[in-house]
């Protein structure tokens, strides 16, 4: 096969999300593990912020809020990177943004893990 033919074959293989997802199940699990840990930490930080807002709980809002904001940006970035890499669809970063971070990330993680286990190897 010529160099151009090999490049075209490699390009088709890289664009096929099902094939790349099946081949790279381990990196998907690692990325999902990172997303899940960040989402859990972000959810734990979100609880006192919501309690402060709705129940007048006195908490240090600035450091907790800033950390929550940085984790939210990291979650959206990681979900978007996975969508760019073709590991999952753009629904994952979208649901993360719409739900404010942790709920969408955790739900998306569960959906993708179920799809991974249900997909034939």
PDB file of N, CA and C in Angstrom:
ATOM      1  N   UNK A   1       0.850  -1.166   0.000  1.00  0.00           N
ATOM      2  CA  UNK A   1       0.000   0.000   0.000  1.00  0.00           C
ATOM      3  C   UNK A   1       0.897   1.230   0.000  1.00  0.00           C
ATOM      4  N   UNK A   2       0.528   2.222  -0.766  1.00  0.00           N
ATOM      5  CA  UNK A   2       1.324   3.442  -0.839  1.00  0.00           C
ATOM      6  C   UNK A   2       1.177   4.243   0.448  1.00  0.00           C
ATOM      7  N   UNK A   3       2.050   5.227   0.597  1.00  0.00           N
ATOM      8  CA  UNK A   3       1.980   6.066   1.788  1.00  0.00           C
ATOM      9  C   UNK A   3       0.648   6.798   1.851  1.00  0.00           C
ATOM     10  N   UNK A   4       0.172   7.277   0.701  1.00  0.00           N
ATOM     11  CA  UNK A   4      -1.113   7.964   0.666  1.00  0.00           C
ATOM     12  C   UNK A   4      -2.246   7.015   1.028  1.00  0.00           C
ATOM     13  N   UNK A   5      -2.186   5.783   0.551  1.00  0.00           N
ATOM     14  CA  UNK A   5      -3.204   4.791   0.877  1.00  0.00           C
ATOM     15  C   UNK A   5      -3.204   4.453   2.353  1.00  0.00           C
ATOM     16  N   UNK A   6      -2.009   4.348   2.940  1.00  0.00           N
ATOM     17  CA  UNK A   6      -1.914   4.065   4.370  1.00  0.00           C
ATOM     18  C   UNK A   6      -2.480   5.219   5.188  1.00  0.00           C
ATOM     19  N   UNK A   7      -2.182   6.454   4.758  1.00  0.00           N
ATOM     20  CA  UNK A   7      -2.700   7.622   5.468  1.00  0.00           C
ATOM     21  C   UNK A   7      -4.224   7.677   5.394  1.00  0.00           C
ATOM     22  N   UNK A   8      -4.776   7.362   4.224  1.00  0.00           N
ATOM     23  CA  UNK A   8      -6.236   7.373   4.071  1.00  0.00           C
ATOM     24  C   UNK A   8      -6.872   6.299   4.947  1.00  0.00           C
ATOM     25  N   UNK A   9      -6.250   5.107   4.989  1.00  0.00           N
ATOM     26  CA  UNK A   9      -6.771   4.022   5.822  1.00  0.00           C
ATOM     27  C   UNK A   9      -6.716   4.410   7.297  1.00  0.00           C
ATOM     28  N   UNK A  10      -5.597   4.976   7.717  1.00  0.00           N
ATOM     29  CA  UNK A  10      -5.429   5.409   9.104  1.00  0.00           C
ATOM     30  C   UNK A  10      -6.428   6.511   9.446  1.00  0.00           C
ATOM     31  N   UNK A  11      -6.675   7.423   8.506  1.00  0.00           N
ATOM     32  CA  UNK A  11      -7.613   8.507   8.732  1.00  0.00           C
ATOM     33  C   UNK A  11      -9.036   7.976   8.891  1.00  0.00           C
ATOM     34  N   UNK A  12      -9.444   7.000   8.068  1.00  0.00           N
ATOM     35  CA  UNK A  12     -10.779   6.418   8.188  1.00  0.00           C
ATOM     36  C   UNK A  12     -10.933   5.711   9.525  1.00  0.00           C
ATOM     37  N   UNK A  13      -9.889   5.007   9.938  1.00  0.00           N
ATOM     38  CA  UNK A  13      -9.949   4.277  11.198  1.00  0.00           C
ATOM     39  C   UNK A  13     -10.049   5.245  12.372  1.00  0.00           C
ATOM     40  N   UNK A  14      -9.354   6.370  12.311  1.00  0.00           N
ATOM     41  CA  UNK A  14      -9.383   7.339  13.402  1.00  0.00           C
ATOM     42  C   UNK A  14     -10.731   8.045  13.500  1.00  0.00           C
ATOM     43  N   UNK A  15     -11.445   8.169  12.374  1.00  0.00           N
ATOM     44  CA  UNK A  15     -12.735   8.857  12.389  1.00  0.00           C
ATOM     45  C   UNK A  15     -13.872   7.963  12.843  1.00  0.00           C
ATOM     46  N   UNK A  16     -13.695   6.679  12.862  1.00  0.00           N
ATOM     47  CA  UNK A  16     -14.760   5.756  13.242  1.00  0.00           C
ATOM     48  C   UNK A  16     -14.837   5.671  14.763  1.00  0.00           C
ATOM     49  N   UNK A  17     -15.800   6.367  15.407  1.00  0.00           N
ATOM     50  CA  UNK A  17     -15.828   6.404  16.873  1.00  0.00           C
ATOM     51  C   UNK A  17     -16.078   5.046  17.512  1.00  0.00           C
ATOM     52  N   UNK A  18     -16.874   4.177  16.867  1.00  0.00           N
ATOM     53  CA  UNK A  18     -17.133   2.865  17.463  1.00  0.00           C
ATOM     54  C   UNK A  18     -15.868   2.027  17.493  1.00  0.00           C
ATOM     55  N   UNK A  19     -15.117   2.059  16.404  1.00  0.00           N
ATOM     56  CA  UNK A  19     -13.890   1.279  16.356  1.00  0.00           C
ATOM     57  C   UNK A  19     -12.865   1.830  17.340  1.00  0.00           C
ATOM     58  N   UNK A  20     -12.706   3.158  17.351  1.00  0.00           N
ATOM     59  CA  UNK A  20     -11.719   3.729  18.257  1.00  0.00           C
ATOM     60  C   UNK A  20     -12.133   3.519  19.709  1.00  0.00           C
ATOM     61  N   UNK A  21     -13.446   3.542  19.995  1.00  0.00           N
ATOM     62  CA  UNK A  21     -13.909   3.313  21.368  1.00  0.00           C
ATOM     63  C   UNK A  21     -13.655   1.879  21.790  1.00  0.00           C
ATOM     64  N   UNK A  22     -13.857   0.929  20.864  1.00  0.00           N
ATOM     65  CA  UNK A  22     -13.628  -0.469  21.195  1.00  0.00           C
ATOM     66  C   UNK A  22     -12.143  -0.737  21.399  1.00  0.00           C
ATOM     67  N   UNK A  23     -11.316  -0.100  20.582  1.00  0.00           N
ATOM     68  CA  UNK A  23      -9.875  -0.317  20.664  1.00  0.00           C
ATOM     69  C   UNK A  23      -9.303   0.328  21.919  1.00  0.00           C
ATOM     70  N   UNK A  24      -9.848   1.480  22.295  1.00  0.00           N
ATOM     71  CA  UNK A  24      -9.262   2.220  23.413  1.00  0.00           C
ATOM     72  C   UNK A  24     -10.190   2.245  24.626  1.00  0.00           C
ATOM     73  N   UNK A  25     -10.680   1.108  25.024  1.00  0.00           N
ATOM     74  CA  UNK A  25     -11.575   1.044  26.184  1.00  0.00           C
ATOM     75  C   UNK A  25     -10.852   1.451  27.464  1.00  0.00           C
ATOM     76  N   UNK A  26      -9.586   1.102  27.571  1.00  0.00           N
ATOM     77  CA  UNK A  26      -8.820   1.439  28.771  1.00  0.00           C
ATOM     78  C   UNK A  26      -8.668   2.948  28.946  1.00  0.00           C
ATOM     79  N   UNK A  27      -8.251   3.702  27.893  1.00  0.00           N
ATOM     80  CA  UNK A  27      -8.164   5.156  28.074  1.00  0.00           C
ATOM     81  C   UNK A  27      -9.521   5.799  28.361  1.00  0.00           C
ATOM     82  N   UNK A  28     -10.610   5.246  27.805  1.00  0.00           N
ATOM     83  CA  UNK A  28     -11.933   5.791  28.102  1.00  0.00           C
ATOM     84  C   UNK A  28     -12.230   5.623  29.588  1.00  0.00           C
ATOM     85  N   UNK A  29     -11.937   4.451  30.131  1.00  0.00           N
ATOM     86  CA  UNK A  29     -12.175   4.212  31.560  1.00  0.00           C
ATOM     87  C   UNK A  29     -11.342   5.153  32.417  1.00  0.00           C
ATOM     88  N   UNK A  30     -10.116   5.379  32.019  1.00  0.00           N
ATOM     89  CA  UNK A  30      -9.264   6.299  32.785  1.00  0.00           C
ATOM     90  C   UNK A  30      -9.813   7.715  32.754  1.00  0.00           C
ATOM     91  N   UNK A  31     -10.221   8.158  31.571  1.00  0.00           N
ATOM     92  CA  UNK A  31     -10.794   9.505  31.469  1.00  0.00           C
ATOM     93  C   UNK A  31     -12.078   9.608  32.285  1.00  0.00           C
ATOM     94  N   UNK A  32     -12.906   8.582  32.196  1.00  0.00           N
ATOM     95  CA  UNK A  32     -14.148   8.596  32.970  1.00  0.00           C
ATOM     96  C   UNK A  32     -13.869   8.577  34.466  1.00  0.00           C
ATOM     97  N   UNK A  33     -12.842   7.858  34.894  1.00  0.00           N
ATOM     98  CA  UNK A  33     -12.480   7.847  36.313  1.00  0.00           C
ATOM     99  C   UNK A  33     -12.088   9.243  36.788  1.00  0.00           C
ATOM    100  N   UNK A  34     -11.301   9.950  35.978  1.00  0.00           N
ATOM    101  CA  UNK A  34     -10.888  11.312  36.336  1.00  0.00           C
ATOM    102  C   UNK A  34     -12.108  12.221  36.399  1.00  0.00           C
ATOM    103  N   UNK A  35     -12.981  12.110  35.387  1.00  0.00           N
ATOM    104  CA  UNK A  35     -14.198  12.930  35.367  1.00  0.00           C
ATOM    105  C   UNK A  35     -15.068  12.626  36.582  1.00  0.00           C
ATOM    106  N   UNK A  36     -15.207  11.352  36.925  1.00  0.00           N
ATOM    107  CA  UNK A  36     -16.043  10.978  38.065  1.00  0.00           C
ATOM    108  C   UNK A  36     -15.486  11.514  39.381  1.00  0.00           C
ATOM    109  N   UNK A  37     -14.192  11.421  39.581  1.00  0.00           N
ATOM    110  CA  UNK A  37     -13.581  11.931  40.820  1.00  0.00           C
ATOM    111  C   UNK A  37     -13.775  13.442  40.914  1.00  0.00           C
ATOM    112  N   UNK A  38     -13.503  14.159  39.805  1.00  0.00           N
ATOM    113  CA  UNK A  38     -13.690  15.608  39.817  1.00  0.00           C
ATOM    114  C   UNK A  38     -15.160  15.975  40.060  1.00  0.00           C
ATOM    115  N   UNK A  39     -16.075  15.213  39.475  1.00  0.00           N
ATOM    116  CA  UNK A  39     -17.502  15.491  39.652  1.00  0.00           C
ATOM    117  C   UNK A  39     -17.930  15.276  41.103  1.00  0.00           C
ATOM    118  N   UNK A  40     -17.429  14.236  41.735  1.00  0.00           N
ATOM    119  CA  UNK A  40     -17.779  13.979  43.136  1.00  0.00           C
ATOM    120  C   UNK A  40     -17.236  15.082  44.038  1.00  0.00           C
ATOM    121  N   UNK A  41     -15.977  15.472  43.824  1.00  0.00           N
ATOM    122  CA  UNK A  41     -15.395  16.555  44.623  1.00  0.00           C
ATOM    123  C   UNK A  41     -16.173  17.848  44.385  1.00  0.00           C
ATOM    124  N   UNK A  42     -16.518  18.106  43.121  1.00  0.00           N
ATOM    125  CA  UNK A  42     -17.278  19.310  42.795  1.00  0.00           C
ATOM    126  C   UNK A  42     -18.667  19.282  43.440  1.00  0.00           C
ATOM    127  N   UNK A  43     -19.297  18.127  43.461  1.00  0.00           N
ATOM    128  CA  UNK A  43     -20.619  18.002  44.091  1.00  0.00           C
ATOM    129  C   UNK A  43     -20.535  18.258  45.591  1.00  0.00           C
ATOM    130  N   UNK A  44     -19.489  17.737  46.224  1.00  0.00           N
ATOM    131  CA  UNK A  44     -19.298  17.960  47.661  1.00  0.00           C
ATOM    132  C   UNK A  44     -19.123  19.455  47.944  1.00  0.00           C
ATOM    133  N   UNK A  45     -18.409  20.168  47.054  1.00  0.00           N
ATOM    134  CA  UNK A  45     -18.231  21.609  47.234  1.00  0.00           C
ATOM    135  C   UNK A  45     -19.491  22.401  46.890  1.00  0.00           C
ATOM    136  N   UNK A  46     -20.304  21.867  46.016  1.00  0.00           N
ATOM    137  CA  UNK A  46     -21.521  22.571  45.614  1.00  0.00           C
ATOM    138  C   UNK A  46     -22.576  22.582  46.725  1.00  0.00           C
ATOM    139  N   UNK A  47     -22.594  21.544  47.544  1.00  0.00           N
ATOM    140  CA  UNK A  47     -23.599  21.443  48.615  1.00  0.00           C
ATOM    141  C   UNK A  47     -23.524  22.629  49.581  1.00  0.00           C
ATOM    142  N   UNK A  48     -22.343  22.972  50.142  1.00  0.00           N
ATOM    143  CA  UNK A  48     -22.329  24.123  51.053  1.00  0.00           C
ATOM    144  C   UNK A  48     -22.666  25.440  50.364  1.00  0.00           C
ATOM    145  N   UNK A  49     -22.334  25.565  49.083  1.00  0.00           N
ATOM    146  CA  UNK A  49     -22.696  26.791  48.372  1.00  0.00           C
ATOM    147  C   UNK A  49     -24.214  26.919  48.241  1.00  0.00           C
ATOM    148  N   UNK A  50     -24.868  25.823  47.945  1.00  0.00           N
ATOM    149  CA  UNK A  50     -26.325  25.845  47.841  1.00  0.00           C
ATOM    150  C   UNK A  50     -26.970  26.079  49.209  1.00  0.00           C
ATOM    151  N   UNK A  51     -26.399  25.470  50.250  1.00  0.00           N
ATOM    152  CA  UNK A  51     -26.912  25.697  51.604  1.00  0.00           C
ATOM    153  C   UNK A  51     -26.728  27.154  52.024  1.00  0.00           C
ATOM    154  N   UNK A  52     -25.608  27.741  51.635  1.00  0.00           N
ATOM    155  CA  UNK A  52     -25.374  29.156  51.936  1.00  0.00           C
ATOM    156  C   UNK A  52     -26.412  30.018  51.235  1.00  0.00           C
ATOM    157  N   UNK A  53     -26.717  29.677  50.017  1.00  0.00           N
ATOM    158  CA  UNK A  53     -27.658  30.477  49.226  1.00  0.00           C
ATOM    159  C   UNK A  53     -29.095  30.339  49.729  1.00  0.00           C
ATOM    160  N   UNK A  54     -29.509  29.122  50.001  1.00  0.00           N
ATOM    161  CA  UNK A  54     -30.921  28.891  50.305  1.00  0.00           C
ATOM    162  C   UNK A  54     -31.233  28.728  51.792  1.00  0.00           C
ATOM    163  N   UNK A  55     -30.251  28.409  52.629  1.00  0.00           N
ATOM    164  CA  UNK A  55     -30.516  28.205  54.057  1.00  0.00           C
ATOM    165  C   UNK A  55     -29.694  29.150  54.939  1.00  0.00           C
ATOM    166  N   UNK A  56     -29.055  30.134  54.326  1.00  0.00           N
ATOM    167  CA  UNK A  56     -28.243  31.114  55.050  1.00  0.00           C
ATOM    168  C   UNK A  56     -27.169  30.478  55.927  1.00  0.00           C
ATOM    169  N   UNK A  57     -26.590  29.383  55.462  1.00  0.00           N
ATOM    170  CA  UNK A  57     -25.482  28.751  56.172  1.00  0.00           C
ATOM    171  C   UNK A  57     -24.240  29.609  55.973  1.00  0.00           C
ATOM    172  N   UNK A  58     -23.507  29.856  57.064  1.00  0.00           N
ATOM    173  CA  UNK A  58     -22.312  30.685  56.981  1.00  0.00           C
ATOM    174  C   UNK A  58     -21.107  29.815  56.602  1.00  0.00           C
ATOM    175  N   UNK A  59     -20.682  29.921  55.349  1.00  0.00           N
ATOM    176  CA  UNK A  59     -19.519  29.172  54.856  1.00  0.00           C
ATOM    177  C   UNK A  59     -18.605  30.141  54.126  1.00  0.00           C
ATOM    178  N   UNK A  60     -17.318  29.811  54.046  1.00  0.00           N
ATOM    179  CA  UNK A  60     -16.393  30.662  53.279  1.00  0.00           C
ATOM    180  C   UNK A  60     -16.679  30.524  51.775  1.00  0.00           C
ATOM    181  N   UNK A  61     -17.499  31.418  51.255  1.00  0.00           N
ATOM    182  CA  UNK A  61     -17.991  31.303  49.886  1.00  0.00           C
ATOM    183  C   UNK A  61     -16.881  31.471  48.858  1.00  0.00           C
ATOM    184  N   UNK A  62     -15.977  32.413  49.075  1.00  0.00           N
ATOM    185  CA  UNK A  62     -14.971  32.687  48.049  1.00  0.00           C
ATOM    186  C   UNK A  62     -14.101  31.477  47.712  1.00  0.00           C
ATOM    187  N   UNK A  63     -13.428  30.846  48.678  1.00  0.00           N
ATOM    188  CA  UNK A  63     -12.566  29.718  48.284  1.00  0.00           C
ATOM    189  C   UNK A  63     -13.353  28.514  47.764  1.00  0.00           C
ATOM    190  N   UNK A  64     -14.507  28.256  48.371  1.00  0.00           N
ATOM    191  CA  UNK A  64     -15.311  27.114  47.913  1.00  0.00           C
ATOM    192  C   UNK A  64     -15.876  27.400  46.526  1.00  0.00           C
ATOM    193  N   UNK A  65     -16.367  28.616  46.330  1.00  0.00           N
ATOM    194  CA  UNK A  65     -16.920  28.995  45.029  1.00  0.00           C
ATOM    195  C   UNK A  65     -15.872  28.985  43.926  1.00  0.00           C
ATOM    196  N   UNK A  66     -14.687  29.488  44.246  1.00  0.00           N
ATOM    197  CA  UNK A  66     -13.615  29.499  43.245  1.00  0.00           C
ATOM    198  C   UNK A  66     -13.197  28.074  42.880  1.00  0.00           C
ATOM    199  N   UNK A  67     -13.076  27.220  43.865  1.00  0.00           N
ATOM    200  CA  UNK A  67     -12.705  25.828  43.597  1.00  0.00           C
ATOM    201  C   UNK A  67     -13.789  25.135  42.777  1.00  0.00           C
ATOM    202  N   UNK A  68     -15.050  25.378  43.124  1.00  0.00           N
ATOM    203  CA  UNK A  68     -16.153  24.813  42.351  1.00  0.00           C
ATOM    204  C   UNK A  68     -16.095  25.305  40.906  1.00  0.00           C
ATOM    205  N   UNK A  69     -15.833  26.588  40.707  1.00  0.00           N
ATOM    206  CA  UNK A  69     -15.744  27.142  39.360  1.00  0.00           C
ATOM    207  C   UNK A  69     -14.624  26.521  38.548  1.00  0.00           C
ATOM    208  N   UNK A  70     -13.471  26.340  39.178  1.00  0.00           N
ATOM    209  CA  UNK A  70     -12.333  25.719  38.473  1.00  0.00           C
ATOM    210  C   UNK A  70     -12.620  24.256  38.134  1.00  0.00           C
ATOM    211  N   UNK A  71     -13.255  23.551  39.060  1.00  0.00           N
ATOM    212  CA  UNK A  71     -13.610  22.157  38.786  1.00  0.00           C
ATOM    213  C   UNK A  71     -14.668  22.060  37.689  1.00  0.00           C
ATOM    214  N   UNK A  72     -15.602  23.004  37.660  1.00  0.00           N
ATOM    215  CA  UNK A  72     -16.612  23.039  36.601  1.00  0.00           C
ATOM    216  C   UNK A  72     -15.941  23.210  35.238  1.00  0.00           C
ATOM    217  N   UNK A  73     -14.993  24.148  35.162  1.00  0.00           N
ATOM    218  CA  UNK A  73     -14.269  24.366  33.898  1.00  0.00           C
ATOM    219  C   UNK A  73     -13.491  23.109  33.509  1.00  0.00           C
ATOM    220  N   UNK A  74     -12.862  22.456  34.481  1.00  0.00           N
ATOM    221  CA  UNK A  74     -12.121  21.229  34.196  1.00  0.00           C
ATOM    222  C   UNK A  74     -13.046  20.124  33.702  1.00  0.00           C
ATOM    223  N   UNK A  75     -14.212  19.987  34.329  1.00  0.00           N
ATOM    224  CA  UNK A  75     -15.176  18.961  33.903  1.00  0.00           C
ATOM    225  C   UNK A  75     -15.641  19.201  32.469  1.00  0.00           C
ATOM    226  N   UNK A  76     -16.019  20.420  32.172  1.00  0.00           N
ATOM    227  CA  UNK A  76     -16.474  20.734  30.812  1.00  0.00           C
ATOM    228  C   UNK A  76     -15.337  20.506  29.817  1.00  0.00           C
ATOM    229  N   UNK A  77     -14.132  20.914  30.187  1.00  0.00           N
ATOM    230  CA  UNK A  77     -12.978  20.720  29.306  1.00  0.00           C
ATOM    231  C   UNK A  77     -12.683  19.250  29.037  1.00  0.00           C
ATOM    232  N   UNK A  78     -12.711  18.435  30.081  1.00  0.00           N
ATOM    233  CA  UNK A  78     -12.459  16.999  29.896  1.00  0.00           C
ATOM    234  C   UNK A  78     -13.555  16.326  29.079  1.00  0.00           C
ATOM    235  N   UNK A  79     -14.798  16.717  29.318  1.00  0.00           N
ATOM    236  CA  UNK A  79     -15.901  16.148  28.533  1.00  0.00           C
ATOM    237  C   UNK A  79     -15.805  16.583  27.078  1.00  0.00           C
ATOM    238  N   UNK A  80     -15.449  17.839  26.848  1.00  0.00           N
ATOM    239  CA  UNK A  80     -15.301  18.330  25.476  1.00  0.00           C
ATOM    240  C   UNK A  80     -14.108  17.669  24.779  1.00  0.00           C
ATOM    241  N   UNK A  81     -13.026  17.444  25.503  1.00  0.00           N
ATOM    242  CA  UNK A  81     -11.851  16.778  24.915  1.00  0.00           C
ATOM    243  C   UNK A  81     -12.201  15.362  24.481  1.00  0.00           C
ATOM    244  N   UNK A  82     -12.977  14.656  25.295  1.00  0.00           N
ATOM    245  CA  UNK A  82     -13.418  13.317  24.919  1.00  0.00           C
ATOM    246  C   UNK A  82     -14.314  13.342  23.694  1.00  0.00           C
ATOM    247  N   UNK A  83     -15.169  14.368  23.592  1.00  0.00           N
ATOM    248  CA  UNK A  83     -16.026  14.496  22.404  1.00  0.00           C
ATOM    249  C   UNK A  83     -15.186  14.817  21.175  1.00  0.00           C
ATOM    250  N   UNK A  84     -14.182  15.681  21.325  1.00  0.00           N
ATOM    251  CA  UNK A  84     -13.294  15.988  20.202  1.00  0.00           C
ATOM    252  C   UNK A  84     -12.517  14.759  19.750  1.00  0.00           C
ATOM    253  N   UNK A  85     -12.143  13.917  20.702  1.00  0.00           N
ATOM    254  CA  UNK A  85     -11.398  12.697  20.377  1.00  0.00           C
ATOM    255  C   UNK A  85     -12.305  11.589  19.845  1.00  0.00           C
ATOM    256  N   UNK A  86     -13.608  11.823  19.841  1.00  0.00           N
ATOM    257  CA  UNK A  86     -14.553  10.839  19.319  1.00  0.00           C
ATOM    258  C   UNK A  86     -14.867   9.703  20.281  1.00  0.00           C
ATOM    259  N   UNK A  87     -14.592   9.896  21.569  1.00  0.00           N
ATOM    260  CA  UNK A  87     -14.865   8.847  22.548  1.00  0.00           C
ATOM    261  C   UNK A  87     -16.332   8.813  22.953  1.00  0.00           C
ATOM    262  N   UNK A  88     -16.994   9.964  22.896  1.00  0.00           N
ATOM    263  CA  UNK A  88     -18.419  10.070  23.169  1.00  0.00           C
ATOM    264  C   UNK A  88     -18.939  11.290  22.424  1.00  0.00           C
ATOM    265  N   UNK A  89     -20.234  11.478  22.471  1.00  0.00           N
ATOM    266  CA  UNK A  89     -20.848  12.575  21.730  1.00  0.00           C
ATOM    267  C   UNK A  89     -20.790  13.896  22.478  1.00  0.00           C
ATOM    268  N   UNK A  90     -21.238  14.939  21.785  1.00  0.00           N
ATOM    269  CA  UNK A  90     -21.250  16.280  22.371  1.00  0.00           C
ATOM    270  C   UNK A  90     -22.351  16.451  23.406  1.00  0.00           C
ATOM    271  N   UNK A  91     -23.209  15.453  23.545  1.00  0.00           N
ATOM    272  CA  UNK A  91     -24.240  15.517  24.574  1.00  0.00           C
ATOM    273  C   UNK A  91     -23.611  15.529  25.964  1.00  0.00           C
ATOM    274  N   UNK A  92     -22.435  14.888  26.110  1.00  0.00           N
ATOM    275  CA  UNK A  92     -21.807  14.791  27.432  1.00  0.00           C
ATOM    276  C   UNK A  92     -21.355  16.166  27.943  1.00  0.00           C
ATOM    277  N   UNK A  93     -20.578  16.939  27.177  1.00  0.00           N
ATOM    278  CA  UNK A  93     -20.261  18.287  27.687  1.00  0.00           C
ATOM    279  C   UNK A  93     -21.497  19.176  27.797  1.00  0.00           C
ATOM    280  N   UNK A  94     -22.475  18.977  26.906  1.00  0.00           N
ATOM    281  CA  UNK A  94     -23.689  19.798  26.960  1.00  0.00           C
ATOM    282  C   UNK A  94     -24.463  19.548  28.251  1.00  0.00           C
ATOM    283  N   UNK A  95     -24.632  18.282  28.624  1.00  0.00           N
ATOM    284  CA  UNK A  95     -25.373  17.975  29.853  1.00  0.00           C
ATOM    285  C   UNK A  95     -24.586  18.431  31.090  1.00  0.00           C
ATOM    286  N   UNK A  96     -23.271  18.435  30.993  1.00  0.00           N
ATOM    287  CA  UNK A  96     -22.454  18.932  32.098  1.00  0.00           C
ATOM    288  C   UNK A  96     -22.676  20.425  32.301  1.00  0.00           C
ATOM    289  N   UNK A  97     -22.725  21.172  31.203  1.00  0.00           N
ATOM    290  CA  UNK A  97     -22.952  22.620  31.296  1.00  0.00           C
ATOM    291  C   UNK A  97     -24.367  22.919  31.792  1.00  0.00           C
ATOM    292  N   UNK A  98     -25.350  22.247  31.214  1.00  0.00           N
ATOM    293  CA  UNK A  98     -26.748  22.530  31.545  1.00  0.00           C
ATOM    294  C   UNK A  98     -27.048  22.251  33.013  1.00  0.00           C
ATOM    295  N   UNK A  99     -26.472  21.206  33.564  1.00  0.00           N
ATOM    296  CA  UNK A  99     -26.771  20.841  34.955  1.00  0.00           C
ATOM    297  C   UNK A  99     -25.856  21.515  35.968  1.00  0.00           C
ATOM    298  N   UNK A 100     -24.914  22.308  35.513  1.00  0.00           N
ATOM    299  CA  UNK A 100     -24.031  23.001  36.443  1.00  0.00           C
ATOM    300  C   UNK A 100     -22.821  22.195  36.869  1.00  0.00           C
ATOM    301  N   UNK A 101     -22.522  21.129  36.186  1.00  0.00           N
ATOM    302  CA  UNK A 101     -21.309  20.370  36.452  1.00  0.00           C
ATOM    303  C   UNK A 101     -21.518  18.956  36.936  1.00  0.00           C
ATOM    304  N   UNK A 102     -21.499  18.751  38.249  1.00  0.00           N
ATOM    305  CA  UNK A 102     -21.481  17.393  38.790  1.00  0.00           C
ATOM    306  C   UNK A 102     -22.646  16.493  38.391  1.00  0.00           C
ATOM    307  N   UNK A 103     -23.896  16.937  38.460  1.00  0.00           N
ATOM    308  CA  UNK A 103     -24.974  15.996  38.119  1.00  0.00           C
ATOM    309  C   UNK A 103     -24.869  15.466  36.693  1.00  0.00           C
ATOM    310  N   UNK A 104     -24.625  16.353  35.743  1.00  0.00           N
ATOM    311  CA  UNK A 104     -24.510  15.924  34.348  1.00  0.00           C
ATOM    312  C   UNK A 104     -23.299  15.050  34.094  1.00  0.00           C
ATOM    313  N   UNK A 105     -22.193  15.361  34.754  1.00  0.00           N
ATOM    314  CA  UNK A 105     -20.989  14.552  34.585  1.00  0.00           C
ATOM    315  C   UNK A 105     -21.175  13.148  35.140  1.00  0.00           C
ATOM    316  N   UNK A 106     -21.829  13.054  36.276  1.00  0.00           N
ATOM    317  CA  UNK A 106     -22.049  11.736  36.875  1.00  0.00           C
ATOM    318  C   UNK A 106     -23.034  10.923  36.038  1.00  0.00           C
ATOM    319  N   UNK A 107     -24.111  11.549  35.576  1.00  0.00           N
ATOM    320  CA  UNK A 107     -25.075  10.853  34.725  1.00  0.00           C
ATOM    321  C   UNK A 107     -24.416  10.423  33.416  1.00  0.00           C
ATOM    322  N   UNK A 108     -23.651  11.324  32.802  1.00  0.00           N
ATOM    323  CA  UNK A 108     -22.954  10.983  31.563  1.00  0.00           C
ATOM    324  C   UNK A 108     -21.962   9.849  31.749  1.00  0.00           C
ATOM    325  N   UNK A 109     -21.252   9.860  32.862  1.00  0.00           N
ATOM    326  CA  UNK A 109     -20.317   8.787  33.184  1.00  0.00           C
ATOM    327  C   UNK A 109     -21.037   7.447  33.267  1.00  0.00           C
ATOM    328  N   UNK A 110     -22.170   7.427  33.950  1.00  0.00           N
ATOM    329  CA  UNK A 110     -22.940   6.182  34.094  1.00  0.00           C
ATOM    330  C   UNK A 110     -23.421   5.690  32.734  1.00  0.00           C
ATOM    331  N   UNK A 111     -23.929   6.607  31.903  1.00  0.00           N
ATOM    332  CA  UNK A 111     -24.425   6.213  30.583  1.00  0.00           C
ATOM    333  C   UNK A 111     -23.314   5.633  29.730  1.00  0.00           C
ATOM    334  N   UNK A 112     -22.161   6.275  29.710  1.00  0.00           N
ATOM    335  CA  UNK A 112     -21.053   5.794  28.875  1.00  0.00           C
ATOM    336  C   UNK A 112     -20.522   4.456  29.386  1.00  0.00           C
ATOM    337  N   UNK A 113     -20.421   4.300  30.695  1.00  0.00           N
ATOM    338  CA  UNK A 113     -19.958   3.009  31.237  1.00  0.00           C
ATOM    339  C   UNK A 113     -20.933   1.881  30.899  1.00  0.00           C
ATOM    340  N   UNK A 114     -22.234   2.159  30.958  1.00  0.00           N
ATOM    341  CA  UNK A 114     -23.224   1.134  30.586  1.00  0.00           C
ATOM    342  C   UNK A 114     -23.108   0.773  29.114  1.00  0.00           C
ATOM    343  N   UNK A 115     -22.895   1.774  28.277  1.00  0.00           N
ATOM    344  CA  UNK A 115     -22.729   1.511  26.843  1.00  0.00           C
ATOM    345  C   UNK A 115     -21.474   0.687  26.593  1.00  0.00           C
ATOM    346  N   UNK A 116     -20.419   0.972  27.346  1.00  0.00           N
ATOM    347  CA  UNK A 116     -19.174   0.216  27.192  1.00  0.00           C
ATOM    348  C   UNK A 116     -19.362  -1.249  27.545  1.00  0.00           C
ATOM    349  N   UNK A 117     -20.057  -1.514  28.634  1.00  0.00           N
ATOM    350  CA  UNK A 117     -20.243  -2.909  29.056  1.00  0.00           C
ATOM    351  C   UNK A 117     -21.247  -3.623  28.158  1.00  0.00           C
ATOM    352  N   UNK A 118     -22.192  -2.879  27.570  1.00  0.00           N
ATOM    353  CA  UNK A 118     -23.191  -3.496  26.705  1.00  0.00           C
ATOM    354  C   UNK A 118     -22.669  -3.737  25.292  1.00  0.00           C
ATOM    355  N   UNK A 119     -21.618  -2.986  24.890  1.00  0.00           N
ATOM    356  CA  UNK A 119     -21.076  -3.120  23.532  1.00  0.00           C
ATOM    357  C   UNK A 119     -20.348  -4.465  23.406  1.00  0.00           C
ATOM    358  N   UNK A 120     -20.576  -5.162  22.286  1.00  0.00           N
ATOM    359  CA  UNK A 120     -19.854  -6.412  22.095  1.00  0.00           C
ATOM    360  C   UNK A 120     -18.381  -6.173  21.860  1.00  0.00           C
ATOM    361  N   UNK A 121     -17.547  -7.000  22.444  1.00  0.00           N
ATOM    362  CA  UNK A 121     -16.100  -6.827  22.319  1.00  0.00           C
ATOM    363  C   UNK A 121     -15.559  -7.356  21.031  1.00  0.00           C
TER     364      UNK A 121
END
